[in-house]
Structure formats: structure tokens, C-alpha cells
Amino acid sequence: MRLRKTSGHHGCMVTFSFIKPPARGSLRRRRMADALRRLTAALCVGLAVLFGLEAVLAVVETEPMVVAARSIRRGDIILAADVQLADMPVSAIGPSWACNIEDVVGKVAQIDIEAADPISTHMARDAPVAPTGTTVIEVRLASSVDDVLAGDQVRLVSAVGCEGADCTLAENATVMNVDKPDTTGALGSNDRLVSFAMPPEAAAKVMELQQAGAIMAVVR
């Protein structure tokens, strides 16, 4: 649409023009629509690349986590030499995984842990402390120690030299350390030296009767 205006003396003409949108179905309109579609597609591709990069970065981003430097047996007290820090993907680290060596050193392994395995706080518990008024002695056990862990409370009984209730040498002996090999060979090759904390009178009975025969630990 145009508006023409002419002045009286100079014959000047002023023209106003308004741009009309392209007619529906016209070539220009089709080209504009095609350009808009391409722009939208480019934006979508850019967003997809951005989100993909964020996902990749989340996977490859790492943090130090405690892993076993060598095999740790169930019942062992974890030493500083048993563990080390290794970089693990952040996405693989949960709230229960240990990120500081101090979180596991000195604790008792609850399961067998293989070398390079990550260690969680559920795999280890605090090492026991001998209760007040007790003494710690090593006892050669004839019974299996597979189900006994440091910190457990057990009943120690003798297989010889007593009858009935007298066979109980210690009612509540605290396991301090498990499965130390018996290098004395005093009993059988299957016997193991295990450290227990118990009252002094119970310790005296154990030391007297373990020379006479087998002592067994009854797990509660």
C-alpha cells in the first residue's frame, strides 16, 4: 500500500510504503519457513550436544576412593599397607564408599576383600577394645574360626578335665584377634591361636586346661 502527497509550489511528492508479508504458498514464504526449520533443527542439535557433553563429563569425572592394595581376609584388622587411594568415576561413588584411608584403617574386615576392590564402610567395623578389668591371652582353638570375628562375644569350653557346667571356662570372652597361626605345634595342625579378653580368673582356667586338651569357642 502506498500514500502519495504533492505540495502546492514545488510539486514535491512523499511516498509511504508498507511491507506486505509474503503471500501464502509463495516461493519467498516457503524459503522463510525452510530457514526457520533449519534454525530450529540446529538449535536442537546444539542442545543435544551440550547435554551429551555434560553426561560424558559426569561419567569421566573422578574422585579418590579407598581400594584394597592386596587381598584382605575376613576377620583381619585392616592396616595402612592393606589399602590405597584410587581415582574412581564420581557416578560410581555412593555415600557408603570410603574416601579416606583413615575411615577403614584399624577396623576389622567383615568379608573377604580382593585386591583393587573398593571398600565401603559396611565392609569393616571398629576393632574391639579390651573391657576394663579383663586380661588378653592367646588361646589355641580346636573349633573352626570361620564364623568368629574380632569383637564377637563367645563362650569358651574345654573338652577334657571337666564335667557339665564346669566345662565352661569363660562365659563372655571377647574376640580380639582371629586366626593367628599356631607356630608351636603343641596340638594339631588345624588349631589356631586366637586372642581373647576375659576376666583374670577365667584366663587362669583357660591357661591351665588348654595344656590338657582342646578348647572350643561357642558362638552366641
Protein backbone atom coordinates (compact mmCIF):
# COMPACT_ATOMS: atom_id res chain seq x y z
CA MET A 1 0.00 0.00 0.00
CA ARG A 2 1.32 3.47 -0.94
CA LEU A 3 0.22 7.00 0.04
CA ARG A 4 1.23 9.85 -2.29
CA LYS A 5 1.22 13.50 -1.27
CA THR A 6 2.08 16.55 -3.50
CA SER A 7 2.86 20.08 -2.25
CA GLY A 8 1.41 23.20 -3.98
CA HIS A 9 4.51 25.20 -5.11
CA HIS A 10 7.25 22.70 -5.51
CA GLY A 11 5.38 19.71 -6.66
CA CYS A 12 7.12 17.52 -4.08
CA MET A 13 5.80 14.05 -3.72
CA VAL A 14 6.10 11.97 -0.49
CA THR A 15 5.52 8.25 -0.73
CA PHE A 16 4.90 5.92 2.27
CA SER A 17 5.46 2.20 1.75
CA PHE A 18 4.33 -0.74 3.92
CA ILE A 19 5.96 -4.17 3.53
CA LYS A 20 3.42 -6.86 2.98
CA PRO A 21 4.11 -10.40 4.29
CA PRO A 22 4.68 -12.93 1.53
CA ALA A 23 1.53 -14.43 0.19
CA ARG A 24 0.64 -17.89 1.45
CA GLY A 25 2.20 -20.52 -0.77
CA SER A 26 4.63 -18.10 -2.36
CA LEU A 27 8.26 -19.03 -3.00
CA ARG A 28 9.50 -16.42 -0.53
CA ARG A 29 7.24 -17.72 2.20
CA ARG A 30 8.40 -21.26 1.58
CA ARG A 31 12.03 -20.16 1.80
CA MET A 32 11.41 -18.37 5.10
CA ALA A 33 9.70 -21.44 6.56
CA ASP A 34 12.57 -23.65 5.39
CA ALA A 35 15.14 -21.32 7.01
CA LEU A 36 13.15 -21.35 10.26
CA ARG A 37 13.06 -25.15 10.26
CA ARG A 38 16.81 -25.30 9.72
CA LEU A 39 17.44 -22.87 12.55
CA THR A 40 15.22 -24.89 14.89
CA ALA A 41 16.99 -28.12 13.91
CA ALA A 42 20.38 -26.51 14.53
CA LEU A 43 19.29 -25.36 17.99
CA CYS A 44 18.05 -28.86 18.85
CA VAL A 45 21.32 -30.42 17.71
CA GLY A 46 23.28 -27.89 19.78
CA LEU A 47 21.26 -28.64 22.90
CA ALA A 48 21.69 -32.38 22.36
CA VAL A 49 25.46 -31.98 22.04
CA LEU A 50 25.54 -29.83 25.19
CA PHE A 51 23.58 -32.38 27.24
CA GLY A 52 25.73 -35.19 25.84
CA LEU A 53 28.92 -33.42 26.88
CA GLU A 54 27.55 -32.90 30.38
CA ALA A 55 26.72 -36.60 30.64
CA VAL A 56 30.18 -37.61 29.43
CA LEU A 57 31.86 -35.23 31.86
CA ALA A 58 29.78 -36.65 34.71
CA VAL A 59 30.97 -40.16 33.82
CA VAL A 60 34.66 -39.35 33.43
CA GLU A 61 34.87 -37.00 36.42
CA THR A 62 36.71 -38.86 39.16
CA GLU A 63 37.35 -38.67 42.88
CA PRO A 64 39.71 -40.69 45.11
CA MET A 65 38.24 -43.76 46.79
CA VAL A 66 39.75 -46.35 49.12
CA VAL A 67 40.54 -49.71 47.48
CA ALA A 68 42.35 -52.80 48.72
CA ALA A 69 46.07 -52.77 47.89
CA ARG A 70 46.16 -56.54 48.46
CA SER A 71 43.79 -59.30 49.49
CA ILE A 72 42.27 -58.84 52.94
CA ARG A 73 40.74 -61.81 54.72
CA ARG A 74 37.54 -61.71 56.70
CA GLY A 75 38.39 -61.04 60.32
CA ASP A 76 41.70 -59.29 59.58
CA ILE A 77 42.40 -55.90 61.11
CA ILE A 78 42.93 -53.57 58.15
CA LEU A 79 46.39 -51.97 58.13
CA ALA A 80 47.58 -48.87 56.28
CA ALA A 81 49.59 -51.11 53.94
CA ASP A 82 46.42 -53.05 53.03
CA VAL A 83 44.69 -50.10 51.34
CA GLN A 84 45.36 -47.25 48.92
CA LEU A 85 43.53 -44.46 47.12
CA ALA A 86 42.43 -44.86 43.51
CA ASP A 87 40.52 -42.49 41.23
CA MET A 88 37.01 -43.73 40.51
CA PRO A 89 34.18 -42.20 38.42
CA VAL A 90 32.03 -39.90 40.54
CA SER A 91 28.92 -41.68 39.27
CA ALA A 92 30.17 -44.93 40.85
CA ILE A 93 30.81 -43.48 44.31
CA GLY A 94 27.97 -43.88 46.79
CA PRO A 95 27.59 -42.49 50.30
CA SER A 96 28.80 -45.73 51.90
CA TRP A 97 32.12 -45.95 49.99
CA ALA A 98 35.19 -44.86 51.96
CA CYS A 99 37.04 -41.86 50.51
CA ASN A 100 39.66 -41.51 53.27
CA ILE A 101 42.13 -44.21 54.28
CA GLU A 102 41.60 -43.24 57.92
CA ASP A 103 37.97 -44.41 57.58
CA VAL A 104 39.00 -48.09 57.37
CA VAL A 105 42.48 -48.47 58.87
CA GLY A 106 42.35 -50.25 62.23
CA LYS A 107 38.92 -51.75 61.56
CA VAL A 108 38.01 -55.42 61.17
CA ALA A 109 37.15 -56.75 57.71
CA GLN A 110 33.66 -58.27 57.73
CA ILE A 111 34.12 -60.10 54.40
CA ASP A 112 36.97 -61.23 52.17
CA ILE A 113 38.16 -58.26 50.09
CA GLU A 114 40.19 -58.84 46.95
CA ALA A 115 42.97 -56.57 45.71
CA ALA A 116 41.68 -53.46 43.87
CA ASP A 117 38.16 -53.90 45.30
CA PRO A 118 36.57 -50.66 46.57
CA ILE A 119 35.92 -50.70 50.32
CA SER A 120 32.68 -49.48 51.84
CA THR A 121 32.08 -48.61 55.46
CA HIS A 122 29.81 -51.69 55.70
CA MET A 123 32.77 -53.99 54.95
CA ALA A 124 34.61 -53.11 58.16
CA ARG A 125 33.77 -52.42 61.79
CA ASP A 126 35.70 -50.96 64.68
CA ALA A 127 38.38 -53.16 66.22
CA PRO A 128 37.47 -54.29 69.74
CA VAL A 129 38.88 -52.74 72.90
CA ALA A 130 39.50 -54.99 75.88
CA PRO A 131 36.86 -54.27 78.54
CA THR A 132 38.03 -52.81 81.86
CA GLY A 133 39.07 -55.49 84.33
CA THR A 134 39.91 -58.11 81.70
CA THR A 135 43.16 -59.62 80.52
CA VAL A 136 44.08 -60.66 76.98
CA ILE A 137 45.53 -64.12 76.32
CA GLU A 138 46.08 -66.26 73.24
CA VAL A 139 44.12 -69.49 73.11
CA ARG A 140 44.68 -72.46 70.82
CA LEU A 141 41.24 -73.28 69.49
CA ALA A 142 40.33 -76.69 68.13
CA SER A 143 36.99 -75.43 66.79
CA SER A 144 36.56 -73.62 63.49
CA VAL A 145 37.21 -69.89 63.49
CA ASP A 146 35.45 -69.22 60.18
CA ASP A 147 32.40 -67.75 61.90
CA VAL A 148 34.30 -65.80 64.54
CA LEU A 149 35.22 -62.13 64.07
CA ALA A 150 37.12 -59.69 66.23
CA GLY A 151 34.63 -58.04 68.56
CA ASP A 152 32.40 -61.12 68.90
CA GLN A 153 31.39 -62.43 72.33
CA VAL A 154 31.86 -66.22 72.68
CA ARG A 155 31.78 -68.90 75.33
CA LEU A 156 34.99 -70.92 75.79
CA VAL A 157 34.56 -74.55 76.79
CA SER A 158 37.01 -77.38 77.43
CA ALA A 159 36.65 -80.87 76.02
CA VAL A 160 38.56 -82.54 78.86
CA GLY A 161 39.19 -82.12 82.57
CA CYS A 162 35.67 -81.04 83.47
CA GLU A 163 32.07 -82.15 83.63
CA GLY A 164 28.80 -80.38 82.87
CA ALA A 165 28.76 -76.68 83.66
CA ASP A 166 32.37 -76.87 84.80
CA CYS A 167 33.36 -77.24 81.16
CA THR A 168 32.63 -73.55 80.61
CA LEU A 169 35.90 -71.73 81.13
CA ALA A 170 34.80 -68.23 80.10
CA GLU A 171 31.19 -67.21 79.73
CA ASN A 172 31.76 -63.97 77.80
CA ALA A 173 35.16 -63.87 76.16
CA THR A 174 35.70 -61.01 73.70
CA VAL A 175 37.50 -61.95 70.49
CA MET A 176 40.39 -59.53 69.98
CA ASN A 177 42.20 -61.07 67.03
CA VAL A 178 41.40 -64.08 64.87
CA ASP A 179 43.19 -66.87 63.04
CA LYS A 180 46.79 -66.33 64.02
CA PRO A 181 48.68 -69.50 63.04
CA ASP A 182 49.82 -71.76 65.86
CA THR A 183 53.57 -72.00 65.27
CA THR A 184 54.20 -74.01 68.44
CA GLY A 185 52.73 -77.23 67.09
CA ALA A 186 51.63 -78.08 70.62
CA LEU A 187 48.31 -79.50 69.42
CA GLY A 188 47.15 -80.31 65.91
CA SER A 189 47.91 -78.58 62.64
CA ASN A 190 44.29 -77.42 62.50
CA ASP A 191 44.49 -75.45 65.75
CA ARG A 192 44.59 -71.65 65.63
CA LEU A 193 45.78 -69.05 68.08
CA VAL A 194 43.03 -66.53 68.83
CA SER A 195 43.35 -63.60 71.24
CA PHE A 196 40.57 -63.24 73.82
CA ALA A 197 39.86 -60.67 76.51
CA MET A 198 38.34 -62.23 79.65
CA PRO A 199 38.35 -61.87 83.44
CA PRO A 200 41.62 -62.98 85.09
CA GLU A 201 40.03 -65.99 86.85
CA ALA A 202 38.67 -67.26 83.53
CA ALA A 203 42.06 -66.71 81.89
CA ALA A 204 43.67 -68.83 84.62
CA LYS A 205 41.28 -71.71 83.88
CA VAL A 206 41.91 -71.48 80.15
CA MET A 207 45.69 -71.49 80.52
CA GLU A 208 45.51 -74.50 82.86
CA LEU A 209 43.16 -76.64 80.79
CA GLN A 210 44.40 -75.85 77.29
CA GLN A 211 47.54 -77.84 78.18
CA ALA A 212 45.34 -80.88 78.82
CA GLY A 213 43.18 -80.84 75.72
CA ALA A 214 41.12 -78.99 73.15
CA ILE A 215 39.32 -75.74 73.83
CA MET A 216 36.40 -74.68 71.69
CA ALA A 217 34.64 -71.37 71.15
CA VAL A 218 30.86 -71.45 71.13
CA VAL A 219 29.46 -68.57 69.06
CA ARG A 220 26.42 -66.88 70.58
